[in-house]
Amino acid sequence: MAKKVKTNKRQVILEEAAKLFKAKGFSGTSMRDLGSQVGMEAASMYNHISSKDDILESICFHVSNTYISQLREIEQLPVSYVDKLKALIQLHVRLMIEDGAAVSVANNDWKYLSDDKLQQFKEARKAYEKGFAELIEQGIAAGEFQPMNVSVALFTILSAVRWVELWYRPGRGISAEELEENIMTILLNGLAK
């Protein structure tokens, strides 16, 4: 039972750290800030985490591992490339809605990872982008997507969904499902009638 409590407390620390890092930045957040946020003395948190760097690593790699594992699952689906792309866009939107603070940290504070972890994270990002680009290339080759520069398509899509974690919250007059549909419509069909 003690292990479960420790794991849950660690998860609370990670979730609250993500919120603080998003609001104040990794370098602008102290362990005292985090301790205050979770209702613990900074020193007591070290029973659940080893360092502020450990927190950043956990958040960044949780997000990158989620994206990569979901990409691998989507690649294996017996559906069209259009549907695979829709599933990837939906993954981005959902993760930003459900875990926006962590996604924000992975998008903005990864540069503060320690050297070896920074290299691993960059490699994970490259692997994800490569897999995403290959899916677009395959869709073009199958005649499902218009011929175009794959890098332009990839980074337009990734950039187009990145703002969601900054903007979306309940009460914006649009549900998560409507947001996903609107984004997919714009990205896959454009605004023209």
N, C-alpha and C. Protein backbone atom coordinates (compact mmCIF):
# COMPACT_ATOMS: atom_id res chain seq x y z
N MET A 1 0.83 -1.20 0.00
CA MET A 1 0.00 0.00 0.00
C MET A 1 0.87 1.25 0.00
N ALA A 2 1.98 1.24 0.71
CA ALA A 2 2.84 2.42 0.77
C ALA A 2 3.36 2.78 -0.62
N LYS A 3 3.67 1.78 -1.43
CA LYS A 3 4.16 2.03 -2.79
C LYS A 3 3.09 2.77 -3.60
N LYS A 4 1.83 2.37 -3.45
CA LYS A 4 0.75 3.00 -4.19
C LYS A 4 0.60 4.47 -3.78
N VAL A 5 0.68 4.75 -2.49
CA VAL A 5 0.59 6.12 -2.01
C VAL A 5 1.74 6.94 -2.58
N LYS A 6 2.96 6.36 -2.55
CA LYS A 6 4.12 7.05 -3.08
C LYS A 6 3.93 7.36 -4.57
N THR A 7 3.46 6.36 -5.33
CA THR A 7 3.22 6.55 -6.75
C THR A 7 2.18 7.64 -6.98
N ASN A 8 1.09 7.62 -6.22
CA ASN A 8 0.06 8.63 -6.38
C ASN A 8 0.60 10.01 -6.03
N LYS A 9 1.39 10.12 -4.97
CA LYS A 9 1.95 11.41 -4.58
C LYS A 9 2.93 11.88 -5.66
N ARG A 10 3.70 10.97 -6.19
CA ARG A 10 4.61 11.33 -7.29
C ARG A 10 3.81 11.86 -8.47
N GLN A 11 2.71 11.20 -8.80
CA GLN A 11 1.88 11.65 -9.92
C GLN A 11 1.32 13.05 -9.66
N VAL A 12 0.89 13.30 -8.44
CA VAL A 12 0.38 14.63 -8.07
C VAL A 12 1.49 15.67 -8.24
N ILE A 13 2.69 15.33 -7.78
CA ILE A 13 3.83 16.24 -7.92
C ILE A 13 4.09 16.54 -9.40
N LEU A 14 4.08 15.49 -10.23
CA LEU A 14 4.33 15.68 -11.67
C LEU A 14 3.25 16.55 -12.31
N GLU A 15 1.99 16.29 -11.96
CA GLU A 15 0.89 17.07 -12.54
C GLU A 15 0.96 18.53 -12.12
N GLU A 16 1.23 18.77 -10.86
CA GLU A 16 1.31 20.15 -10.38
C GLU A 16 2.56 20.85 -10.92
N ALA A 17 3.65 20.10 -11.05
CA ALA A 17 4.87 20.67 -11.62
C ALA A 17 4.62 21.10 -13.06
N ALA A 18 3.91 20.27 -13.82
CA ALA A 18 3.60 20.62 -15.21
C ALA A 18 2.83 21.93 -15.27
N LYS A 19 1.86 22.09 -14.38
CA LYS A 19 1.08 23.34 -14.35
C LYS A 19 1.97 24.54 -14.02
N LEU A 20 2.82 24.36 -13.03
CA LEU A 20 3.72 25.47 -12.65
C LEU A 20 4.74 25.76 -13.75
N PHE A 21 5.32 24.72 -14.34
CA PHE A 21 6.28 24.93 -15.43
C PHE A 21 5.61 25.65 -16.59
N LYS A 22 4.37 25.28 -16.88
CA LYS A 22 3.65 25.94 -17.97
C LYS A 22 3.44 27.42 -17.64
N ALA A 23 3.07 27.71 -16.41
CA ALA A 23 2.78 29.09 -16.01
C ALA A 23 4.04 29.94 -15.83
N LYS A 24 5.07 29.35 -15.22
CA LYS A 24 6.26 30.13 -14.84
C LYS A 24 7.53 29.73 -15.58
N GLY A 25 7.45 28.65 -16.34
CA GLY A 25 8.64 28.12 -16.99
C GLY A 25 9.41 27.23 -16.03
N PHE A 26 10.19 26.31 -16.59
CA PHE A 26 10.99 25.40 -15.77
C PHE A 26 11.97 26.18 -14.90
N SER A 27 12.69 27.11 -15.52
CA SER A 27 13.70 27.84 -14.76
C SER A 27 13.09 28.82 -13.76
N GLY A 28 11.84 29.23 -13.98
CA GLY A 28 11.18 30.17 -13.07
C GLY A 28 10.44 29.51 -11.92
N THR A 29 10.45 28.19 -11.87
CA THR A 29 9.75 27.45 -10.83
C THR A 29 10.76 26.85 -9.85
N SER A 30 10.57 27.13 -8.59
CA SER A 30 11.46 26.57 -7.57
C SER A 30 10.80 25.34 -6.93
N MET A 31 11.60 24.56 -6.25
CA MET A 31 11.06 23.42 -5.52
C MET A 31 10.15 23.90 -4.39
N ARG A 32 10.44 25.06 -3.83
CA ARG A 32 9.55 25.64 -2.81
C ARG A 32 8.18 25.96 -3.41
N ASP A 33 8.19 26.54 -4.62
CA ASP A 33 6.93 26.82 -5.32
C ASP A 33 6.12 25.53 -5.47
N LEU A 34 6.80 24.50 -5.91
CA LEU A 34 6.14 23.22 -6.13
C LEU A 34 5.65 22.62 -4.81
N GLY A 35 6.49 22.68 -3.79
CA GLY A 35 6.08 22.17 -2.48
C GLY A 35 4.84 22.88 -1.97
N SER A 36 4.81 24.17 -2.12
CA SER A 36 3.64 24.95 -1.71
C SER A 36 2.40 24.52 -2.50
N GLN A 37 2.58 24.28 -3.77
CA GLN A 37 1.47 23.89 -4.64
C GLN A 37 0.88 22.53 -4.25
N VAL A 38 1.74 21.60 -3.83
CA VAL A 38 1.27 20.25 -3.49
C VAL A 38 1.07 20.06 -1.99
N GLY A 39 1.34 21.10 -1.20
CA GLY A 39 1.12 21.02 0.25
C GLY A 39 2.17 20.20 0.97
N MET A 40 3.42 20.27 0.50
CA MET A 40 4.51 19.54 1.13
C MET A 40 5.71 20.46 1.28
N GLU A 41 6.56 20.15 2.23
CA GLU A 41 7.84 20.82 2.31
C GLU A 41 8.68 20.36 1.11
N ALA A 42 9.47 21.27 0.59
CA ALA A 42 10.30 20.92 -0.56
C ALA A 42 11.14 19.67 -0.27
N ALA A 43 11.72 19.60 0.93
CA ALA A 43 12.56 18.45 1.28
C ALA A 43 11.78 17.13 1.28
N SER A 44 10.51 17.17 1.67
CA SER A 44 9.69 15.96 1.70
C SER A 44 9.40 15.42 0.31
N MET A 45 9.39 16.29 -0.67
CA MET A 45 9.12 15.84 -2.04
C MET A 45 10.19 14.90 -2.55
N TYR A 46 11.40 15.00 -1.99
CA TYR A 46 12.49 14.15 -2.45
C TYR A 46 12.29 12.68 -2.07
N ASN A 47 11.26 12.38 -1.28
CA ASN A 47 10.88 10.98 -1.05
C ASN A 47 10.15 10.42 -2.27
N HIS A 48 9.68 11.30 -3.14
CA HIS A 48 8.87 10.89 -4.28
C HIS A 48 9.54 11.18 -5.63
N ILE A 49 10.45 12.12 -5.63
CA ILE A 49 11.18 12.49 -6.85
C ILE A 49 12.64 12.72 -6.46
N SER A 50 13.54 12.60 -7.43
CA SER A 50 14.95 12.75 -7.08
C SER A 50 15.46 14.18 -7.30
N SER A 51 14.81 14.93 -8.19
CA SER A 51 15.27 16.29 -8.46
C SER A 51 14.27 17.00 -9.36
N LYS A 52 14.46 18.28 -9.51
CA LYS A 52 13.64 19.05 -10.44
C LYS A 52 13.88 18.55 -11.87
N ASP A 53 15.13 18.19 -12.17
CA ASP A 53 15.45 17.62 -13.49
C ASP A 53 14.70 16.31 -13.72
N ASP A 54 14.58 15.50 -12.67
CA ASP A 54 13.83 14.25 -12.75
C ASP A 54 12.37 14.52 -13.12
N ILE A 55 11.81 15.56 -12.56
CA ILE A 55 10.42 15.93 -12.86
C ILE A 55 10.30 16.30 -14.34
N LEU A 56 11.20 17.15 -14.81
CA LEU A 56 11.17 17.57 -16.21
C LEU A 56 11.31 16.38 -17.14
N GLU A 57 12.25 15.49 -16.84
CA GLU A 57 12.45 14.29 -17.66
C GLU A 57 11.18 13.45 -17.70
N SER A 58 10.58 13.24 -16.53
CA SER A 58 9.37 12.42 -16.46
C SER A 58 8.25 13.01 -17.30
N ILE A 59 8.07 14.31 -17.21
CA ILE A 59 7.00 14.96 -17.98
C ILE A 59 7.30 14.88 -19.47
N CYS A 60 8.49 15.27 -19.87
CA CYS A 60 8.83 15.30 -21.30
C CYS A 60 8.76 13.91 -21.94
N PHE A 61 9.30 12.91 -21.25
CA PHE A 61 9.32 11.57 -21.83
C PHE A 61 7.95 10.90 -21.75
N HIS A 62 7.13 11.25 -20.78
CA HIS A 62 5.76 10.75 -20.76
C HIS A 62 5.03 11.21 -22.02
N VAL A 63 5.17 12.48 -22.34
CA VAL A 63 4.50 13.03 -23.53
C VAL A 63 5.07 12.40 -24.80
N SER A 64 6.39 12.39 -24.94
CA SER A 64 6.98 11.83 -26.18
C SER A 64 6.68 10.35 -26.33
N ASN A 65 6.73 9.61 -25.23
CA ASN A 65 6.40 8.17 -25.31
C ASN A 65 4.94 7.94 -25.68
N THR A 66 4.06 8.80 -25.19
CA THR A 66 2.64 8.69 -25.55
C THR A 66 2.46 8.91 -27.05
N TYR A 67 3.06 9.98 -27.57
CA TYR A 67 2.95 10.25 -29.01
C TYR A 67 3.52 9.11 -29.84
N ILE A 68 4.70 8.63 -29.46
CA ILE A 68 5.34 7.57 -30.25
C ILE A 68 4.55 6.27 -30.19
N SER A 69 4.10 5.87 -29.01
CA SER A 69 3.34 4.62 -28.92
C SER A 69 2.02 4.71 -29.68
N GLN A 70 1.37 5.87 -29.61
CA GLN A 70 0.12 6.04 -30.35
C GLN A 70 0.37 6.05 -31.86
N LEU A 71 1.46 6.67 -32.30
CA LEU A 71 1.80 6.65 -33.72
C LEU A 71 1.99 5.22 -34.19
N ARG A 72 2.71 4.41 -33.41
CA ARG A 72 2.94 3.01 -33.80
C ARG A 72 1.61 2.25 -33.90
N GLU A 73 0.69 2.50 -32.98
CA GLU A 73 -0.63 1.85 -33.05
C GLU A 73 -1.39 2.31 -34.29
N ILE A 74 -1.37 3.61 -34.55
CA ILE A 74 -2.09 4.16 -35.70
C ILE A 74 -1.52 3.64 -37.01
N GLU A 75 -0.20 3.50 -37.09
CA GLU A 75 0.44 2.97 -38.30
C GLU A 75 -0.08 1.58 -38.64
N GLN A 76 -0.43 0.80 -37.62
CA GLN A 76 -0.85 -0.59 -37.82
C GLN A 76 -2.35 -0.73 -38.13
N LEU A 77 -3.11 0.34 -38.00
CA LEU A 77 -4.55 0.25 -38.24
C LEU A 77 -4.83 -0.08 -39.70
N PRO A 78 -5.81 -0.97 -39.94
CA PRO A 78 -6.16 -1.33 -41.32
C PRO A 78 -7.17 -0.32 -41.91
N VAL A 79 -6.76 0.95 -41.96
CA VAL A 79 -7.63 2.01 -42.46
C VAL A 79 -6.85 2.86 -43.48
N SER A 80 -7.55 3.77 -44.12
CA SER A 80 -6.91 4.64 -45.12
C SER A 80 -5.90 5.57 -44.45
N TYR A 81 -5.05 6.15 -45.28
CA TYR A 81 -4.08 7.12 -44.76
C TYR A 81 -4.78 8.38 -44.27
N VAL A 82 -5.88 8.73 -44.91
CA VAL A 82 -6.67 9.87 -44.44
C VAL A 82 -7.15 9.60 -43.02
N ASP A 83 -7.65 8.39 -42.77
CA ASP A 83 -8.13 8.06 -41.43
C ASP A 83 -6.98 7.98 -40.42
N LYS A 84 -5.83 7.52 -40.86
CA LYS A 84 -4.66 7.50 -39.97
C LYS A 84 -4.25 8.92 -39.61
N LEU A 85 -4.27 9.82 -40.59
CA LEU A 85 -3.93 11.21 -40.31
C LEU A 85 -4.94 11.84 -39.37
N LYS A 86 -6.21 11.53 -39.58
CA LYS A 86 -7.25 12.04 -38.67
C LYS A 86 -7.00 11.54 -37.25
N ALA A 87 -6.62 10.27 -37.13
CA ALA A 87 -6.35 9.71 -35.80
C ALA A 87 -5.16 10.41 -35.14
N LEU A 88 -4.14 10.75 -35.92
CA LEU A 88 -2.99 11.46 -35.36
C LEU A 88 -3.36 12.88 -34.93
N ILE A 89 -4.14 13.55 -35.74
CA ILE A 89 -4.59 14.90 -35.37
C ILE A 89 -5.44 14.82 -34.11
N GLN A 90 -6.33 13.84 -34.06
CA GLN A 90 -7.17 13.66 -32.87
C GLN A 90 -6.32 13.38 -31.64
N LEU A 91 -5.27 12.58 -31.79
CA LEU A 91 -4.35 12.30 -30.69
C LEU A 91 -3.75 13.60 -30.16
N HIS A 92 -3.27 14.45 -31.06
CA HIS A 92 -2.67 15.71 -30.63
C HIS A 92 -3.68 16.58 -29.89
N VAL A 93 -4.85 16.72 -30.45
CA VAL A 93 -5.86 17.57 -29.83
C VAL A 93 -6.26 17.00 -28.47
N ARG A 94 -6.53 15.71 -28.41
CA ARG A 94 -6.96 15.09 -27.14
C ARG A 94 -5.89 15.21 -26.06
N LEU A 95 -4.65 14.95 -26.43
CA LEU A 95 -3.59 15.02 -25.42
C LEU A 95 -3.43 16.45 -24.91
N MET A 96 -3.59 17.41 -25.80
CA MET A 96 -3.49 18.81 -25.38
C MET A 96 -4.66 19.21 -24.49
N ILE A 97 -5.82 18.66 -24.76
CA ILE A 97 -6.99 18.97 -23.93
C ILE A 97 -6.89 18.27 -22.58
N GLU A 98 -6.51 17.01 -22.61
CA GLU A 98 -6.50 16.20 -21.38
C GLU A 98 -5.25 16.42 -20.52
N ASP A 99 -4.14 16.78 -21.14
CA ASP A 99 -2.88 16.93 -20.40
C ASP A 99 -2.09 18.11 -20.95
N GLY A 100 -2.79 19.23 -21.14
CA GLY A 100 -2.21 20.40 -21.78
C GLY A 100 -0.97 20.94 -21.12
N ALA A 101 -0.94 20.92 -19.79
CA ALA A 101 0.24 21.45 -19.09
C ALA A 101 1.47 20.61 -19.42
N ALA A 102 1.33 19.29 -19.40
CA ALA A 102 2.48 18.42 -19.71
C ALA A 102 2.92 18.60 -21.16
N VAL A 103 1.96 18.70 -22.08
CA VAL A 103 2.31 18.92 -23.48
C VAL A 103 3.05 20.25 -23.64
N SER A 104 2.58 21.27 -22.94
CA SER A 104 3.24 22.57 -22.99
C SER A 104 4.69 22.47 -22.51
N VAL A 105 4.91 21.74 -21.43
CA VAL A 105 6.27 21.56 -20.91
C VAL A 105 7.13 20.83 -21.94
N ALA A 106 6.59 19.76 -22.51
CA ALA A 106 7.35 19.00 -23.51
C ALA A 106 7.63 19.85 -24.76
N ASN A 107 6.72 20.75 -25.10
CA ASN A 107 6.91 21.62 -26.26
C ASN A 107 7.87 22.78 -26.00
N ASN A 108 7.91 23.26 -24.77
CA ASN A 108 8.63 24.50 -24.49
C ASN A 108 9.84 24.37 -23.57
N ASP A 109 9.82 23.43 -22.65
CA ASP A 109 10.89 23.36 -21.64
C ASP A 109 11.86 22.19 -21.86
N TRP A 110 11.68 21.41 -22.92
CA TRP A 110 12.56 20.28 -23.19
C TRP A 110 14.03 20.72 -23.28
N LYS A 111 14.26 21.95 -23.68
CA LYS A 111 15.63 22.44 -23.86
C LYS A 111 16.41 22.50 -22.54
N TYR A 112 15.71 22.37 -21.40
CA TYR A 112 16.37 22.38 -20.09
C TYR A 112 16.73 20.98 -19.60
N LEU A 113 16.46 19.96 -20.40
CA LEU A 113 16.85 18.60 -20.02
C LEU A 113 18.37 18.51 -19.94
N SER A 114 18.85 17.61 -19.08
CA SER A 114 20.29 17.39 -18.98
C SER A 114 20.80 16.88 -20.32
N ASP A 115 22.09 17.03 -20.58
CA ASP A 115 22.65 16.74 -21.91
C ASP A 115 22.27 15.38 -22.48
N ASP A 116 22.43 14.31 -21.68
CA ASP A 116 22.12 12.98 -22.22
C ASP A 116 20.62 12.82 -22.46
N LYS A 117 19.81 13.34 -21.56
CA LYS A 117 18.35 13.26 -21.72
C LYS A 117 17.89 14.17 -22.86
N LEU A 118 18.57 15.29 -23.02
CA LEU A 118 18.24 16.20 -24.12
C LEU A 118 18.46 15.50 -25.45
N GLN A 119 19.55 14.80 -25.58
CA GLN A 119 19.84 14.07 -26.82
C GLN A 119 18.79 12.98 -27.05
N GLN A 120 18.44 12.25 -26.01
CA GLN A 120 17.41 11.20 -26.13
C GLN A 120 16.07 11.80 -26.55
N PHE A 121 15.73 12.93 -25.96
CA PHE A 121 14.45 13.57 -26.28
C PHE A 121 14.44 14.06 -27.73
N LYS A 122 15.55 14.65 -28.17
CA LYS A 122 15.63 15.10 -29.56
C LYS A 122 15.49 13.92 -30.52
N GLU A 123 16.11 12.80 -30.17
CA GLU A 123 16.01 11.60 -31.00
C GLU A 123 14.57 11.08 -31.03
N ALA A 124 13.89 11.13 -29.89
CA ALA A 124 12.49 10.70 -29.83
C ALA A 124 11.62 11.61 -30.70
N ARG A 125 11.85 12.91 -30.62
CA ARG A 125 11.08 13.86 -31.46
C ARG A 125 11.33 13.59 -32.94
N LYS A 126 12.59 13.36 -33.29
CA LYS A 126 12.93 13.08 -34.68
C LYS A 126 12.26 11.80 -35.15
N ALA A 127 12.27 10.79 -34.30
CA ALA A 127 11.64 9.51 -34.66
C ALA A 127 10.13 9.70 -34.88
N TYR A 128 9.51 10.48 -34.02
CA TYR A 128 8.08 10.74 -34.18
C TYR A 128 7.81 11.50 -35.47
N GLU A 129 8.57 12.56 -35.69
CA GLU A 129 8.38 13.36 -36.91
C GLU A 129 8.64 12.51 -38.16
N LYS A 130 9.63 11.62 -38.09
CA LYS A 130 9.94 10.75 -39.23
C LYS A 130 8.77 9.80 -39.50
N GLY A 131 8.22 9.21 -38.43
CA GLY A 131 7.09 8.31 -38.60
C GLY A 131 5.86 9.03 -39.14
N PHE A 132 5.61 10.22 -38.64
CA PHE A 132 4.48 11.04 -39.11
C PHE A 132 4.69 11.38 -40.58
N ALA A 133 5.91 11.80 -40.95
CA ALA A 133 6.22 12.15 -42.34
C ALA A 133 6.07 10.94 -43.25
N GLU A 134 6.48 9.77 -42.80
CA GLU A 134 6.35 8.56 -43.61
C GLU A 134 4.88 8.25 -43.88
N LEU A 135 4.04 8.49 -42.90
CA LEU A 135 2.61 8.27 -43.08
C LEU A 135 2.07 9.22 -44.16
N ILE A 136 2.51 10.47 -44.14
CA ILE A 136 2.10 11.43 -45.17
C ILE A 136 2.62 11.00 -46.54
N GLU A 137 3.89 10.58 -46.60
CA GLU A 137 4.48 10.11 -47.86
C GLU A 137 3.70 8.92 -48.42
N GLN A 138 3.35 7.99 -47.56
CA GLN A 138 2.60 6.82 -48.00
C GLN A 138 1.22 7.21 -48.51
N GLY A 139 0.60 8.19 -47.85
CA GLY A 139 -0.70 8.68 -48.29
C GLY A 139 -0.62 9.36 -49.64
N ILE A 140 0.47 10.09 -49.88
CA ILE A 140 0.68 10.72 -51.19
C ILE A 140 0.88 9.64 -52.25
N ALA A 141 1.74 8.64 -51.94
CA ALA A 141 2.01 7.55 -52.88
C ALA A 141 0.74 6.75 -53.20
N ALA A 142 -0.16 6.63 -52.22
CA ALA A 142 -1.40 5.88 -52.42
C ALA A 142 -2.46 6.73 -53.14
N GLY A 143 -2.14 8.00 -53.39
CA GLY A 143 -3.09 8.87 -54.07
C GLY A 143 -4.17 9.44 -53.17
N GLU A 144 -4.00 9.31 -51.86
CA GLU A 144 -5.00 9.83 -50.92
C GLU A 144 -4.76 11.29 -50.56
N PHE A 145 -3.51 11.74 -50.68
CA PHE A 145 -3.16 13.14 -50.39
C PHE A 145 -2.60 13.76 -51.66
N GLN A 146 -2.73 15.07 -51.75
CA GLN A 146 -2.16 15.79 -52.88
C GLN A 146 -0.63 15.72 -52.81
N PRO A 147 0.01 15.67 -53.98
CA PRO A 147 1.48 15.71 -53.98
C PRO A 147 1.94 17.06 -53.41
N MET A 148 2.86 17.00 -52.47
CA MET A 148 3.39 18.22 -51.87
C MET A 148 4.66 17.89 -51.11
N ASN A 149 5.34 18.93 -50.66
CA ASN A 149 6.53 18.75 -49.85
C ASN A 149 6.09 18.18 -48.51
N VAL A 150 6.61 17.03 -48.15
CA VAL A 150 6.20 16.32 -46.95
C VAL A 150 6.54 17.12 -45.69
N SER A 151 7.70 17.76 -45.67
CA SER A 151 8.08 18.54 -44.49
C SER A 151 7.13 19.72 -44.27
N VAL A 152 6.72 20.37 -45.36
CA VAL A 152 5.77 21.48 -45.24
C VAL A 152 4.45 20.95 -44.67
N ALA A 153 3.98 19.83 -45.18
CA ALA A 153 2.73 19.24 -44.69
C ALA A 153 2.85 18.88 -43.20
N LEU A 154 3.94 18.19 -42.86
CA LEU A 154 4.15 17.75 -41.47
C LEU A 154 4.16 18.93 -40.50
N PHE A 155 5.00 19.92 -40.77
CA PHE A 155 5.14 21.01 -39.81
C PHE A 155 3.96 21.97 -39.82
N THR A 156 3.23 22.02 -40.94
CA THR A 156 1.99 22.80 -40.95
C THR A 156 0.97 22.15 -40.02
N ILE A 157 0.85 20.84 -40.10
CA ILE A 157 -0.10 20.13 -39.23
C ILE A 157 0.31 20.27 -37.77
N LEU A 158 1.58 20.00 -37.48
CA LEU A 158 2.03 20.08 -36.08
C LEU A 158 1.87 21.50 -35.53
N SER A 159 2.20 22.49 -36.33
CA SER A 159 2.04 23.88 -35.88
C SER A 159 0.57 24.24 -35.72
N ALA A 160 -0.25 23.71 -36.59
CA ALA A 160 -1.68 24.05 -36.56
C ALA A 160 -2.39 23.49 -35.33
N VAL A 161 -1.86 22.45 -34.74
CA VAL A 161 -2.51 21.90 -33.55
C VAL A 161 -1.84 22.35 -32.25
N ARG A 162 -0.68 22.95 -32.36
CA ARG A 162 0.07 23.31 -31.15
C ARG A 162 -0.62 24.36 -30.28
N TRP A 163 -1.35 25.26 -30.89
CA TRP A 163 -2.00 26.35 -30.15
C TRP A 163 -3.10 25.84 -29.22
N VAL A 164 -3.60 24.63 -29.43
CA VAL A 164 -4.73 24.13 -28.65
C VAL A 164 -4.42 24.17 -27.15
N GLU A 165 -3.23 23.76 -26.76
CA GLU A 165 -2.90 23.73 -25.33
C GLU A 165 -2.84 25.13 -24.73
N LEU A 166 -2.67 26.14 -25.54
CA LEU A 166 -2.65 27.51 -25.04
C LEU A 166 -4.06 28.11 -24.94
N TRP A 167 -4.94 27.70 -25.82
CA TRP A 167 -6.23 28.35 -25.96
C TRP A 167 -7.40 27.59 -25.33
N TYR A 168 -7.45 26.27 -25.56
CA TYR A 168 -8.66 25.53 -25.20
C TYR A 168 -8.83 25.37 -23.70
N ARG A 169 -10.05 25.56 -23.26
CA ARG A 169 -10.50 25.20 -21.92
C ARG A 169 -12.02 25.13 -21.98
N PRO A 170 -12.63 24.36 -21.11
CA PRO A 170 -14.09 24.31 -21.09
C PRO A 170 -14.65 25.73 -20.93
N GLY A 171 -15.76 25.98 -21.59
CA GLY A 171 -16.37 27.29 -21.50
C GLY A 171 -16.01 28.20 -22.67
N ARG A 172 -15.26 27.69 -23.62
CA ARG A 172 -14.89 28.48 -24.80
C ARG A 172 -15.99 28.43 -25.87
N GLY A 173 -17.07 27.74 -25.58
CA GLY A 173 -18.17 27.67 -26.54
C GLY A 173 -17.99 26.59 -27.59
N ILE A 174 -17.08 25.67 -27.34
CA ILE A 174 -16.84 24.57 -28.27
C ILE A 174 -16.41 23.35 -27.47
N SER A 175 -17.00 22.22 -27.79
CA SER A 175 -16.63 20.98 -27.09
C SER A 175 -15.32 20.45 -27.66
N ALA A 176 -14.71 19.53 -26.94
CA ALA A 176 -13.48 18.92 -27.42
C ALA A 176 -13.71 18.23 -28.77
N GLU A 177 -14.85 17.58 -28.91
CA GLU A 177 -15.16 16.87 -30.16
C GLU A 177 -15.34 17.86 -31.31
N GLU A 178 -16.04 18.97 -31.05
CA GLU A 178 -16.22 19.99 -32.10
C GLU A 178 -14.88 20.61 -32.49
N LEU A 179 -14.03 20.83 -31.51
CA LEU A 179 -12.70 21.38 -31.78
C LEU A 179 -11.93 20.44 -32.70
N GLU A 180 -11.93 19.15 -32.37
CA GLU A 180 -11.25 18.16 -33.20
C GLU A 180 -11.79 18.18 -34.62
N GLU A 181 -13.11 18.19 -34.76
CA GLU A 181 -13.73 18.19 -36.09
C GLU A 181 -13.37 19.45 -36.87
N ASN A 182 -13.43 20.61 -36.20
CA ASN A 182 -13.08 21.87 -36.86
C ASN A 182 -11.64 21.85 -37.35
N ILE A 183 -10.74 21.40 -36.50
CA ILE A 183 -9.32 21.36 -36.88
C ILE A 183 -9.11 20.39 -38.03
N MET A 184 -9.73 19.22 -37.97
CA MET A 184 -9.56 18.25 -39.05
C MET A 184 -10.14 18.78 -40.36
N THR A 185 -11.27 19.44 -40.29
CA THR A 185 -11.88 20.01 -41.50
C THR A 185 -10.94 21.02 -42.13
N ILE A 186 -10.40 21.92 -41.33
CA ILE A 186 -9.50 22.95 -41.87
C ILE A 186 -8.23 22.31 -42.43
N LEU A 187 -7.65 21.38 -41.69
CA LEU A 187 -6.38 20.78 -42.14
C LEU A 187 -6.55 19.86 -43.34
N LEU A 188 -7.65 19.15 -43.41
CA LEU A 188 -7.82 18.19 -44.49
C LEU A 188 -8.57 18.76 -45.69
N ASN A 189 -9.42 19.75 -45.46
CA ASN A 189 -10.26 20.27 -46.56
C ASN A 189 -10.06 21.76 -46.82
N GLY A 190 -9.47 22.48 -45.88
CA GLY A 190 -9.30 23.92 -46.05
C GLY A 190 -10.59 24.66 -45.72
N LEU A 191 -10.57 25.96 -45.94
CA LEU A 191 -11.72 26.80 -45.65
C LEU A 191 -12.62 27.01 -46.86
N ALA A 192 -12.07 26.80 -48.05
CA ALA A 192 -12.86 27.06 -49.27
C ALA A 192 -14.04 26.10 -49.37
N LYS A 193 -15.17 26.64 -49.87
CA LYS A 193 -16.36 25.79 -50.07
C LYS A 193 -16.20 24.95 -51.30
